ModelCIF file with pLDDT and N, C-alpha, C, O atoms, coordinates in Angstrom:
data_MODEL
#
_entry.id   MODEL 
#
_entity.id                         1 
_entity.type                       polymer 
_entity.pdbx_number_of_molecules   1 
#
_entity_poly.entity_id                      1 
_entity_poly.type                           'polypeptide(L)' 
_entity_poly.nstd_linkage                   no 
_entity_poly.nstd_monomer                   no 
_entity_poly.pdbx_seq_one_letter_code       LREQAALIRSAGGAIRTLLVLPANADLATLDDIVRAHAPLAPAACIV 
_entity_poly.pdbx_seq_one_letter_code_can   LREQAALIRSAGGAIRTLLVLPANADLATLDDIVRAHAPLAPAACIV 
_entity_poly.pdbx_strand_id                 A 
#
loop_
_entity_poly_seq.entity_id 
_entity_poly_seq.num 
_entity_poly_seq.mon_id 
_entity_poly_seq.hetero 
1 1  LEU n 
1 2  ARG n 
1 3  GLU n 
1 4  GLN n 
1 5  ALA n 
1 6  ALA n 
1 7  LEU n 
1 8  ILE n 
1 9  ARG n 
1 10 SER n 
1 11 ALA n 
1 12 GLY n 
1 13 GLY n 
1 14 ALA n 
1 15 ILE n 
1 16 ARG n 
1 17 THR n 
1 18 LEU n 
1 19 LEU n 
1 20 VAL n 
1 21 LEU n 
1 22 PRO n 
1 23 ALA n 
1 24 ASN n 
1 25 ALA n 
1 26 ASP n 
1 27 LEU n 
1 28 ALA n 
1 29 THR n 
1 30 LEU n 
1 31 ASP n 
1 32 ASP n 
1 33 ILE n 
1 34 VAL n 
1 35 ARG n 
1 36 ALA n 
1 37 HIS n 
1 38 ALA n 
1 39 PRO n 
1 40 LEU n 
1 41 ALA n 
1 42 PRO n 
1 43 ALA n 
1 44 ALA n 
1 45 CYS n 
1 46 ILE n 
1 47 VAL n 
#
_struct_asym.id          A 
_struct_asym.entity_id   1 
#
loop_
_ma_qa_metric.id 
_ma_qa_metric.mode 
_ma_qa_metric.name 
_ma_qa_metric.software_group_id 
_ma_qa_metric.type 
1 global pLDDT . pLDDT 
2 local  pLDDT . pLDDT 
#
_ma_qa_metric_global.metric_id      1 
_ma_qa_metric_global.metric_value   87.49 
_ma_qa_metric_global.model_id       1 
_ma_qa_metric_global.ordinal_id     1 
#
loop_
_ma_qa_metric_local.label_asym_id 
_ma_qa_metric_local.label_comp_id 
_ma_qa_metric_local.label_seq_id 
_ma_qa_metric_local.metric_id 
_ma_qa_metric_local.metric_value 
_ma_qa_metric_local.model_id 
_ma_qa_metric_local.ordinal_id 
A LEU 1  2 78.00 1 1  
A ARG 2  2 82.00 1 2  
A GLU 3  2 82.00 1 3  
A GLN 4  2 82.00 1 4  
A ALA 5  2 84.00 1 5  
A ALA 6  2 85.00 1 6  
A LEU 7  2 86.00 1 7  
A ILE 8  2 87.00 1 8  
A ARG 9  2 87.00 1 9  
A SER 10 2 87.00 1 10 
A ALA 11 2 84.00 1 11 
A GLY 12 2 82.00 1 12 
A GLY 13 2 81.00 1 13 
A ALA 14 2 85.00 1 14 
A ILE 15 2 90.00 1 15 
A ARG 16 2 91.00 1 16 
A THR 17 2 92.00 1 17 
A LEU 18 2 93.00 1 18 
A LEU 19 2 94.00 1 19 
A VAL 20 2 94.00 1 20 
A LEU 21 2 93.00 1 21 
A PRO 22 2 90.00 1 22 
A ALA 23 2 86.00 1 23 
A ASN 24 2 86.00 1 24 
A ALA 25 2 87.00 1 25 
A ASP 26 2 83.00 1 26 
A LEU 27 2 82.00 1 27 
A ALA 28 2 86.00 1 28 
A THR 29 2 88.00 1 29 
A LEU 30 2 89.00 1 30 
A ASP 31 2 89.00 1 31 
A ASP 32 2 89.00 1 32 
A ILE 33 2 90.00 1 33 
A VAL 34 2 91.00 1 34 
A ARG 35 2 90.00 1 35 
A ALA 36 2 88.00 1 36 
A HIS 37 2 89.00 1 37 
A ALA 38 2 89.00 1 38 
A PRO 39 2 87.00 1 39 
A LEU 40 2 87.00 1 40 
A ALA 41 2 89.00 1 41 
A PRO 42 2 91.00 1 42 
A ALA 43 2 88.00 1 43 
A ALA 44 2 89.00 1 44 
A CYS 45 2 90.00 1 45 
A ILE 46 2 91.00 1 46 
A VAL 47 2 89.00 1 47 
#
loop_
_atom_site.group_PDB 
_atom_site.id 
_atom_site.type_symbol 
_atom_site.label_atom_id 
_atom_site.label_alt_id 
_atom_site.label_comp_id 
_atom_site.label_asym_id 
_atom_site.label_entity_id 
_atom_site.label_seq_id 
_atom_site.pdbx_PDB_ins_code 
_atom_site.Cartn_x 
_atom_site.Cartn_y 
_atom_site.Cartn_z 
_atom_site.occupancy 
_atom_site.B_iso_or_equiv 
_atom_site.pdbx_formal_charge 
_atom_site.auth_seq_id 
_atom_site.auth_comp_id 
_atom_site.auth_asym_id 
_atom_site.auth_atom_id 
_atom_site.pdbx_PDB_model_num 
ATOM 1   N N  . LEU A 1 1  ? 222.755 -75.633 68.657 1.00 78.00 ? 1  LEU A N  1 
ATOM 2   C CA . LEU A 1 1  ? 221.696 -76.056 69.427 1.00 78.00 ? 1  LEU A CA 1 
ATOM 3   C C  . LEU A 1 1  ? 220.623 -74.413 70.715 1.00 78.00 ? 1  LEU A C  1 
ATOM 4   O O  . LEU A 1 1  ? 219.501 -73.909 70.660 1.00 78.00 ? 1  LEU A O  1 
ATOM 5   N N  . ARG A 1 2  ? 221.711 -74.240 71.532 1.00 82.00 ? 2  ARG A N  1 
ATOM 6   C CA . ARG A 1 2  ? 221.563 -73.702 72.748 1.00 82.00 ? 2  ARG A CA 1 
ATOM 7   C C  . ARG A 1 2  ? 220.896 -71.945 71.749 1.00 82.00 ? 2  ARG A C  1 
ATOM 8   O O  . ARG A 1 2  ? 219.814 -71.362 71.816 1.00 82.00 ? 2  ARG A O  1 
ATOM 9   N N  . GLU A 1 3  ? 221.929 -71.702 71.088 1.00 82.00 ? 3  GLU A N  1 
ATOM 10  C CA . GLU A 1 3  ? 221.715 -70.286 70.291 1.00 82.00 ? 3  GLU A CA 1 
ATOM 11  C C  . GLU A 1 3  ? 220.697 -70.651 69.155 1.00 82.00 ? 3  GLU A C  1 
ATOM 12  O O  . GLU A 1 3  ? 220.300 -69.672 68.522 1.00 82.00 ? 3  GLU A O  1 
ATOM 13  N N  . GLN A 1 4  ? 220.150 -71.984 68.739 1.00 82.00 ? 4  GLN A N  1 
ATOM 14  C CA . GLN A 1 4  ? 219.163 -71.597 67.665 1.00 82.00 ? 4  GLN A CA 1 
ATOM 15  C C  . GLN A 1 4  ? 218.007 -71.732 68.458 1.00 82.00 ? 4  GLN A C  1 
ATOM 16  O O  . GLN A 1 4  ? 217.297 -70.733 68.351 1.00 82.00 ? 4  GLN A O  1 
ATOM 17  N N  . ALA A 1 5  ? 217.458 -72.759 69.364 1.00 84.00 ? 5  ALA A N  1 
ATOM 18  C CA . ALA A 1 5  ? 216.537 -71.950 70.521 1.00 84.00 ? 5  ALA A CA 1 
ATOM 19  C C  . ALA A 1 5  ? 216.064 -70.501 71.423 1.00 84.00 ? 5  ALA A C  1 
ATOM 20  O O  . ALA A 1 5  ? 215.104 -69.769 71.663 1.00 84.00 ? 5  ALA A O  1 
ATOM 21  N N  . ALA A 1 6  ? 217.611 -70.726 71.722 1.00 85.00 ? 6  ALA A N  1 
ATOM 22  C CA . ALA A 1 6  ? 217.426 -68.731 72.386 1.00 85.00 ? 6  ALA A CA 1 
ATOM 23  C C  . ALA A 1 6  ? 216.569 -67.547 71.644 1.00 85.00 ? 6  ALA A C  1 
ATOM 24  O O  . ALA A 1 6  ? 215.944 -66.583 72.085 1.00 85.00 ? 6  ALA A O  1 
ATOM 25  N N  . LEU A 1 7  ? 216.987 -68.390 69.402 1.00 86.00 ? 7  LEU A N  1 
ATOM 26  C CA . LEU A 1 7  ? 216.255 -67.467 69.105 1.00 86.00 ? 7  LEU A CA 1 
ATOM 27  C C  . LEU A 1 7  ? 214.692 -67.503 68.393 1.00 86.00 ? 7  LEU A C  1 
ATOM 28  O O  . LEU A 1 7  ? 214.108 -66.464 68.085 1.00 86.00 ? 7  LEU A O  1 
ATOM 29  N N  . ILE A 1 8  ? 213.975 -69.196 68.134 1.00 87.00 ? 8  ILE A N  1 
ATOM 30  C CA . ILE A 1 8  ? 213.233 -68.992 68.693 1.00 87.00 ? 8  ILE A CA 1 
ATOM 31  C C  . ILE A 1 8  ? 212.735 -68.487 69.931 1.00 87.00 ? 8  ILE A C  1 
ATOM 32  O O  . ILE A 1 8  ? 211.988 -67.552 69.640 1.00 87.00 ? 8  ILE A O  1 
ATOM 33  N N  . ARG A 1 9  ? 212.769 -68.607 70.897 1.00 87.00 ? 9  ARG A N  1 
ATOM 34  C CA . ARG A 1 9  ? 212.151 -67.897 72.374 1.00 87.00 ? 9  ARG A CA 1 
ATOM 35  C C  . ARG A 1 9  ? 212.082 -66.506 71.881 1.00 87.00 ? 9  ARG A C  1 
ATOM 36  O O  . ARG A 1 9  ? 210.958 -66.004 71.871 1.00 87.00 ? 9  ARG A O  1 
ATOM 37  N N  . SER A 1 10 ? 213.047 -65.811 71.482 1.00 87.00 ? 10 SER A N  1 
ATOM 38  C CA . SER A 1 10 ? 213.328 -64.539 71.197 1.00 87.00 ? 10 SER A CA 1 
ATOM 39  C C  . SER A 1 10 ? 211.438 -64.467 70.218 1.00 87.00 ? 10 SER A C  1 
ATOM 40  O O  . SER A 1 10 ? 211.545 -63.594 69.357 1.00 87.00 ? 10 SER A O  1 
ATOM 41  N N  . ALA A 1 11 ? 210.478 -64.881 70.193 1.00 84.00 ? 11 ALA A N  1 
ATOM 42  C CA . ALA A 1 11 ? 209.686 -64.684 69.353 1.00 84.00 ? 11 ALA A CA 1 
ATOM 43  C C  . ALA A 1 11 ? 208.499 -64.683 70.138 1.00 84.00 ? 11 ALA A C  1 
ATOM 44  O O  . ALA A 1 11 ? 207.337 -64.843 69.767 1.00 84.00 ? 11 ALA A O  1 
ATOM 45  N N  . GLY A 1 12 ? 209.107 -64.413 71.650 1.00 82.00 ? 12 GLY A N  1 
ATOM 46  C CA . GLY A 1 12 ? 207.801 -64.828 72.898 1.00 82.00 ? 12 GLY A CA 1 
ATOM 47  C C  . GLY A 1 12 ? 206.897 -65.363 72.482 1.00 82.00 ? 12 GLY A C  1 
ATOM 48  O O  . GLY A 1 12 ? 205.912 -64.624 72.478 1.00 82.00 ? 12 GLY A O  1 
ATOM 49  N N  . GLY A 1 13 ? 206.713 -66.351 72.098 1.00 81.00 ? 13 GLY A N  1 
ATOM 50  C CA . GLY A 1 13 ? 205.255 -67.827 72.452 1.00 81.00 ? 13 GLY A CA 1 
ATOM 51  C C  . GLY A 1 13 ? 204.905 -67.719 70.781 1.00 81.00 ? 13 GLY A C  1 
ATOM 52  O O  . GLY A 1 13 ? 203.917 -68.391 70.485 1.00 81.00 ? 13 GLY A O  1 
ATOM 53  N N  . ALA A 1 14 ? 205.549 -66.979 69.609 1.00 85.00 ? 14 ALA A N  1 
ATOM 54  C CA . ALA A 1 14 ? 205.447 -66.717 68.725 1.00 85.00 ? 14 ALA A CA 1 
ATOM 55  C C  . ALA A 1 14 ? 204.708 -67.720 68.049 1.00 85.00 ? 14 ALA A C  1 
ATOM 56  O O  . ALA A 1 14 ? 203.562 -67.831 67.614 1.00 85.00 ? 14 ALA A O  1 
ATOM 57  N N  . ILE A 1 15 ? 206.487 -68.926 68.141 1.00 90.00 ? 15 ILE A N  1 
ATOM 58  C CA . ILE A 1 15 ? 206.398 -69.339 66.735 1.00 90.00 ? 15 ILE A CA 1 
ATOM 59  C C  . ILE A 1 15 ? 206.375 -70.769 67.695 1.00 90.00 ? 15 ILE A C  1 
ATOM 60  O O  . ILE A 1 15 ? 206.832 -70.775 68.838 1.00 90.00 ? 15 ILE A O  1 
ATOM 61  N N  . ARG A 1 16 ? 205.699 -72.109 66.969 1.00 91.00 ? 16 ARG A N  1 
ATOM 62  C CA . ARG A 1 16 ? 205.414 -73.350 67.439 1.00 91.00 ? 16 ARG A CA 1 
ATOM 63  C C  . ARG A 1 16 ? 206.744 -73.519 66.818 1.00 91.00 ? 16 ARG A C  1 
ATOM 64  O O  . ARG A 1 16 ? 207.344 -72.852 65.976 1.00 91.00 ? 16 ARG A O  1 
ATOM 65  N N  . THR A 1 17 ? 207.120 -74.893 67.646 1.00 92.00 ? 17 THR A N  1 
ATOM 66  C CA . THR A 1 17 ? 207.703 -75.871 67.009 1.00 92.00 ? 17 THR A CA 1 
ATOM 67  C C  . THR A 1 17 ? 207.475 -76.892 66.007 1.00 92.00 ? 17 THR A C  1 
ATOM 68  O O  . THR A 1 17 ? 206.288 -76.739 65.717 1.00 92.00 ? 17 THR A O  1 
ATOM 69  N N  . LEU A 1 18 ? 207.999 -77.984 65.211 1.00 93.00 ? 18 LEU A N  1 
ATOM 70  C CA . LEU A 1 18 ? 207.766 -78.858 64.608 1.00 93.00 ? 18 LEU A CA 1 
ATOM 71  C C  . LEU A 1 18 ? 208.986 -79.816 64.979 1.00 93.00 ? 18 LEU A C  1 
ATOM 72  O O  . LEU A 1 18 ? 210.041 -79.507 64.426 1.00 93.00 ? 18 LEU A O  1 
ATOM 73  N N  . LEU A 1 19 ? 209.003 -80.341 65.378 1.00 94.00 ? 19 LEU A N  1 
ATOM 74  C CA . LEU A 1 19 ? 210.381 -82.172 65.296 1.00 94.00 ? 19 LEU A CA 1 
ATOM 75  C C  . LEU A 1 19 ? 210.354 -82.968 64.200 1.00 94.00 ? 19 LEU A C  1 
ATOM 76  O O  . LEU A 1 19 ? 209.463 -83.811 64.090 1.00 94.00 ? 19 LEU A O  1 
ATOM 77  N N  . VAL A 1 20 ? 211.533 -82.780 63.032 1.00 94.00 ? 20 VAL A N  1 
ATOM 78  C CA . VAL A 1 20 ? 211.431 -83.840 62.100 1.00 94.00 ? 20 VAL A CA 1 
ATOM 79  C C  . VAL A 1 20 ? 211.961 -84.439 62.491 1.00 94.00 ? 20 VAL A C  1 
ATOM 80  O O  . VAL A 1 20 ? 212.976 -84.019 63.047 1.00 94.00 ? 20 VAL A O  1 
ATOM 81  N N  . LEU A 1 21 ? 211.583 -86.278 62.494 1.00 93.00 ? 21 LEU A N  1 
ATOM 82  C CA . LEU A 1 21 ? 212.745 -87.222 62.841 1.00 93.00 ? 21 LEU A CA 1 
ATOM 83  C C  . LEU A 1 21 ? 213.100 -87.926 61.533 1.00 93.00 ? 21 LEU A C  1 
ATOM 84  O O  . LEU A 1 21 ? 212.744 -87.721 60.373 1.00 93.00 ? 21 LEU A O  1 
ATOM 85  N N  . PRO A 1 22 ? 214.151 -89.079 62.253 1.00 90.00 ? 22 PRO A N  1 
ATOM 86  C CA . PRO A 1 22 ? 214.074 -89.814 60.809 1.00 90.00 ? 22 PRO A CA 1 
ATOM 87  C C  . PRO A 1 22 ? 213.275 -91.012 61.201 1.00 90.00 ? 22 PRO A C  1 
ATOM 88  O O  . PRO A 1 22 ? 212.835 -91.462 62.259 1.00 90.00 ? 22 PRO A O  1 
ATOM 89  N N  . ALA A 1 23 ? 213.259 -91.317 60.084 1.00 86.00 ? 23 ALA A N  1 
ATOM 90  C CA . ALA A 1 23 ? 212.567 -92.999 60.424 1.00 86.00 ? 23 ALA A CA 1 
ATOM 91  C C  . ALA A 1 23 ? 213.190 -94.121 60.753 1.00 86.00 ? 23 ALA A C  1 
ATOM 92  O O  . ALA A 1 23 ? 212.635 -95.194 60.990 1.00 86.00 ? 23 ALA A O  1 
ATOM 93  N N  . ASN A 1 24 ? 214.738 -93.828 60.781 1.00 86.00 ? 24 ASN A N  1 
ATOM 94  C CA . ASN A 1 24 ? 215.555 -94.714 60.070 1.00 86.00 ? 24 ASN A CA 1 
ATOM 95  C C  . ASN A 1 24 ? 216.448 -95.197 61.238 1.00 86.00 ? 24 ASN A C  1 
ATOM 96  O O  . ASN A 1 24 ? 217.117 -96.230 61.257 1.00 86.00 ? 24 ASN A O  1 
ATOM 97  N N  . ALA A 1 25 ? 216.276 -93.763 62.724 1.00 87.00 ? 25 ALA A N  1 
ATOM 98  C CA . ALA A 1 25 ? 217.072 -93.755 63.447 1.00 87.00 ? 25 ALA A CA 1 
ATOM 99  C C  . ALA A 1 25 ? 216.326 -95.040 64.369 1.00 87.00 ? 25 ALA A C  1 
ATOM 100 O O  . ALA A 1 25 ? 215.187 -95.503 64.443 1.00 87.00 ? 25 ALA A O  1 
ATOM 101 N N  . ASP A 1 26 ? 218.097 -95.419 65.232 1.00 83.00 ? 26 ASP A N  1 
ATOM 102 C CA . ASP A 1 26 ? 216.816 -96.714 66.845 1.00 83.00 ? 26 ASP A CA 1 
ATOM 103 C C  . ASP A 1 26 ? 216.677 -96.467 67.729 1.00 83.00 ? 26 ASP A C  1 
ATOM 104 O O  . ASP A 1 26 ? 217.744 -95.856 67.672 1.00 83.00 ? 26 ASP A O  1 
ATOM 105 N N  . LEU A 1 27 ? 216.337 -96.281 68.768 1.00 82.00 ? 27 LEU A N  1 
ATOM 106 C CA . LEU A 1 27 ? 216.031 -95.696 69.948 1.00 82.00 ? 27 LEU A CA 1 
ATOM 107 C C  . LEU A 1 27 ? 216.814 -94.944 70.443 1.00 82.00 ? 27 LEU A C  1 
ATOM 108 O O  . LEU A 1 27 ? 216.561 -93.791 70.794 1.00 82.00 ? 27 LEU A O  1 
ATOM 109 N N  . ALA A 1 28 ? 217.514 -95.320 70.502 1.00 86.00 ? 28 ALA A N  1 
ATOM 110 C CA . ALA A 1 28 ? 218.212 -94.129 71.740 1.00 86.00 ? 28 ALA A CA 1 
ATOM 111 C C  . ALA A 1 28 ? 218.795 -93.569 70.689 1.00 86.00 ? 28 ALA A C  1 
ATOM 112 O O  . ALA A 1 28 ? 219.850 -93.113 71.127 1.00 86.00 ? 28 ALA A O  1 
ATOM 113 N N  . THR A 1 29 ? 218.708 -93.303 69.377 1.00 88.00 ? 29 THR A N  1 
ATOM 114 C CA . THR A 1 29 ? 219.402 -91.659 68.317 1.00 88.00 ? 29 THR A CA 1 
ATOM 115 C C  . THR A 1 29 ? 217.494 -91.236 68.638 1.00 88.00 ? 29 THR A C  1 
ATOM 116 O O  . THR A 1 29 ? 217.358 -90.418 69.548 1.00 88.00 ? 29 THR A O  1 
ATOM 117 N N  . LEU A 1 30 ? 216.510 -91.594 68.154 1.00 89.00 ? 30 LEU A N  1 
ATOM 118 C CA . LEU A 1 30 ? 215.030 -90.864 68.416 1.00 89.00 ? 30 LEU A CA 1 
ATOM 119 C C  . LEU A 1 30 ? 215.450 -90.383 70.023 1.00 89.00 ? 30 LEU A C  1 
ATOM 120 O O  . LEU A 1 30 ? 215.997 -89.282 69.964 1.00 89.00 ? 30 LEU A O  1 
ATOM 121 N N  . ASP A 1 31 ? 215.378 -90.753 71.049 1.00 89.00 ? 31 ASP A N  1 
ATOM 122 C CA . ASP A 1 31 ? 215.450 -90.296 71.991 1.00 89.00 ? 31 ASP A CA 1 
ATOM 123 C C  . ASP A 1 31 ? 215.957 -89.277 72.434 1.00 89.00 ? 31 ASP A C  1 
ATOM 124 O O  . ASP A 1 31 ? 215.389 -88.375 73.051 1.00 89.00 ? 31 ASP A O  1 
ATOM 125 N N  . ASP A 1 32 ? 217.566 -89.402 72.009 1.00 89.00 ? 32 ASP A N  1 
ATOM 126 C CA . ASP A 1 32 ? 218.215 -87.846 72.544 1.00 89.00 ? 32 ASP A CA 1 
ATOM 127 C C  . ASP A 1 32 ? 217.917 -86.789 71.900 1.00 89.00 ? 32 ASP A C  1 
ATOM 128 O O  . ASP A 1 32 ? 218.310 -85.787 72.497 1.00 89.00 ? 32 ASP A O  1 
ATOM 129 N N  . ILE A 1 33 ? 217.199 -86.496 70.586 1.00 90.00 ? 33 ILE A N  1 
ATOM 130 C CA . ILE A 1 33 ? 216.929 -85.747 70.301 1.00 90.00 ? 33 ILE A CA 1 
ATOM 131 C C  . ILE A 1 33 ? 215.851 -85.373 70.093 1.00 90.00 ? 33 ILE A C  1 
ATOM 132 O O  . ILE A 1 33 ? 215.574 -84.603 69.174 1.00 90.00 ? 33 ILE A O  1 
ATOM 133 N N  . VAL A 1 34 ? 214.820 -85.966 71.112 1.00 91.00 ? 34 VAL A N  1 
ATOM 134 C CA . VAL A 1 34 ? 213.532 -85.716 71.458 1.00 91.00 ? 34 VAL A CA 1 
ATOM 135 C C  . VAL A 1 34 ? 213.767 -84.614 72.777 1.00 91.00 ? 34 VAL A C  1 
ATOM 136 O O  . VAL A 1 34 ? 213.248 -83.505 72.908 1.00 91.00 ? 34 VAL A O  1 
ATOM 137 N N  . ARG A 1 35 ? 214.979 -85.492 73.938 1.00 90.00 ? 35 ARG A N  1 
ATOM 138 C CA . ARG A 1 35 ? 215.139 -85.086 74.578 1.00 90.00 ? 35 ARG A CA 1 
ATOM 139 C C  . ARG A 1 35 ? 216.226 -83.606 74.780 1.00 90.00 ? 35 ARG A C  1 
ATOM 140 O O  . ARG A 1 35 ? 216.167 -82.759 75.671 1.00 90.00 ? 35 ARG A O  1 
ATOM 141 N N  . ALA A 1 36 ? 217.540 -83.722 73.174 1.00 88.00 ? 36 ALA A N  1 
ATOM 142 C CA . ALA A 1 36 ? 218.023 -82.082 73.480 1.00 88.00 ? 36 ALA A CA 1 
ATOM 143 C C  . ALA A 1 36 ? 216.693 -81.647 73.049 1.00 88.00 ? 36 ALA A C  1 
ATOM 144 O O  . ALA A 1 36 ? 215.874 -82.280 73.715 1.00 88.00 ? 36 ALA A O  1 
ATOM 145 N N  . HIS A 1 37 ? 216.170 -80.933 72.316 1.00 89.00 ? 37 HIS A N  1 
ATOM 146 C CA . HIS A 1 37 ? 214.700 -80.434 71.225 1.00 89.00 ? 37 HIS A CA 1 
ATOM 147 C C  . HIS A 1 37 ? 213.403 -80.559 72.459 1.00 89.00 ? 37 HIS A C  1 
ATOM 148 O O  . HIS A 1 37 ? 212.273 -80.608 71.972 1.00 89.00 ? 37 HIS A O  1 
ATOM 149 N N  . ALA A 1 38 ? 213.441 -80.582 73.142 1.00 89.00 ? 38 ALA A N  1 
ATOM 150 C CA . ALA A 1 38 ? 212.221 -81.211 74.391 1.00 89.00 ? 38 ALA A CA 1 
ATOM 151 C C  . ALA A 1 38 ? 212.230 -79.731 74.894 1.00 89.00 ? 38 ALA A C  1 
ATOM 152 O O  . ALA A 1 38 ? 211.093 -79.369 75.198 1.00 89.00 ? 38 ALA A O  1 
ATOM 153 N N  . PRO A 1 39 ? 212.831 -79.129 75.004 1.00 87.00 ? 39 PRO A N  1 
ATOM 154 C CA . PRO A 1 39 ? 212.868 -77.459 75.842 1.00 87.00 ? 39 PRO A CA 1 
ATOM 155 C C  . PRO A 1 39 ? 212.027 -76.383 75.250 1.00 87.00 ? 39 PRO A C  1 
ATOM 156 O O  . PRO A 1 39 ? 211.458 -75.432 75.786 1.00 87.00 ? 39 PRO A O  1 
ATOM 157 N N  . LEU A 1 40 ? 212.124 -76.967 73.384 1.00 87.00 ? 40 LEU A N  1 
ATOM 158 C CA . LEU A 1 40 ? 211.354 -75.975 72.650 1.00 87.00 ? 40 LEU A CA 1 
ATOM 159 C C  . LEU A 1 40 ? 210.463 -76.025 72.417 1.00 87.00 ? 40 LEU A C  1 
ATOM 160 O O  . LEU A 1 40 ? 209.959 -75.278 71.578 1.00 87.00 ? 40 LEU A O  1 
ATOM 161 N N  . ALA A 1 41 ? 209.403 -77.551 73.475 1.00 89.00 ? 41 ALA A N  1 
ATOM 162 C CA . ALA A 1 41 ? 208.278 -77.452 73.519 1.00 89.00 ? 41 ALA A CA 1 
ATOM 163 C C  . ALA A 1 41 ? 207.229 -77.994 71.971 1.00 89.00 ? 41 ALA A C  1 
ATOM 164 O O  . ALA A 1 41 ? 206.165 -77.429 71.715 1.00 89.00 ? 41 ALA A O  1 
ATOM 165 N N  . PRO A 1 42 ? 207.857 -79.277 71.000 1.00 91.00 ? 42 PRO A N  1 
ATOM 166 C CA . PRO A 1 42 ? 207.493 -79.099 69.853 1.00 91.00 ? 42 PRO A CA 1 
ATOM 167 C C  . PRO A 1 42 ? 205.579 -79.730 69.925 1.00 91.00 ? 42 PRO A C  1 
ATOM 168 O O  . PRO A 1 42 ? 204.974 -80.388 70.771 1.00 91.00 ? 42 PRO A O  1 
ATOM 169 N N  . ALA A 1 43 ? 205.220 -79.207 68.785 1.00 88.00 ? 43 ALA A N  1 
ATOM 170 C CA . ALA A 1 43 ? 203.424 -79.370 68.920 1.00 88.00 ? 43 ALA A CA 1 
ATOM 171 C C  . ALA A 1 43 ? 203.420 -80.532 67.790 1.00 88.00 ? 43 ALA A C  1 
ATOM 172 O O  . ALA A 1 43 ? 202.441 -81.136 67.353 1.00 88.00 ? 43 ALA A O  1 
ATOM 173 N N  . ALA A 1 44 ? 204.132 -80.608 67.607 1.00 89.00 ? 44 ALA A N  1 
ATOM 174 C CA . ALA A 1 44 ? 203.923 -82.324 66.828 1.00 89.00 ? 44 ALA A CA 1 
ATOM 175 C C  . ALA A 1 44 ? 205.164 -82.302 66.486 1.00 89.00 ? 44 ALA A C  1 
ATOM 176 O O  . ALA A 1 44 ? 205.841 -81.336 66.836 1.00 89.00 ? 44 ALA A O  1 
ATOM 177 N N  . CYS A 1 45 ? 205.995 -83.809 65.399 1.00 90.00 ? 45 CYS A N  1 
ATOM 178 C CA . CYS A 1 45 ? 206.625 -84.360 65.009 1.00 90.00 ? 45 CYS A CA 1 
ATOM 179 C C  . CYS A 1 45 ? 207.010 -84.388 63.645 1.00 90.00 ? 45 CYS A C  1 
ATOM 180 O O  . CYS A 1 45 ? 205.880 -84.086 63.262 1.00 90.00 ? 45 CYS A O  1 
ATOM 181 N N  . ILE A 1 46 ? 207.696 -84.503 62.504 1.00 91.00 ? 46 ILE A N  1 
ATOM 182 C CA . ILE A 1 46 ? 206.891 -85.411 60.918 1.00 91.00 ? 46 ILE A CA 1 
ATOM 183 C C  . ILE A 1 46 ? 208.583 -86.018 61.273 1.00 91.00 ? 46 ILE A C  1 
ATOM 184 O O  . ILE A 1 46 ? 209.667 -85.519 61.576 1.00 91.00 ? 46 ILE A O  1 
ATOM 185 N N  . VAL A 1 47 ? 207.967 -87.503 60.997 1.00 89.00 ? 47 VAL A N  1 
ATOM 186 C CA . VAL A 1 47 ? 208.487 -88.237 61.141 1.00 89.00 ? 47 VAL A CA 1 
ATOM 187 C C  . VAL A 1 47 ? 208.807 -88.546 59.312 1.00 89.00 ? 47 VAL A C  1 
ATOM 188 O O  . VAL A 1 47 ? 209.508 -89.494 58.959 1.00 89.00 ? 47 VAL A O  1 
#
């Protein structure tokens, strides 16, 4: 995940991220997913 995030950030901000979330996940799982992808500063989420 860190390697992929570094690859996306290598574009120098040209790439915005959209975080895709599972609608059937529990609160703890969703929180883990959001925290893990927070460094990429998603512009929005797709449920």
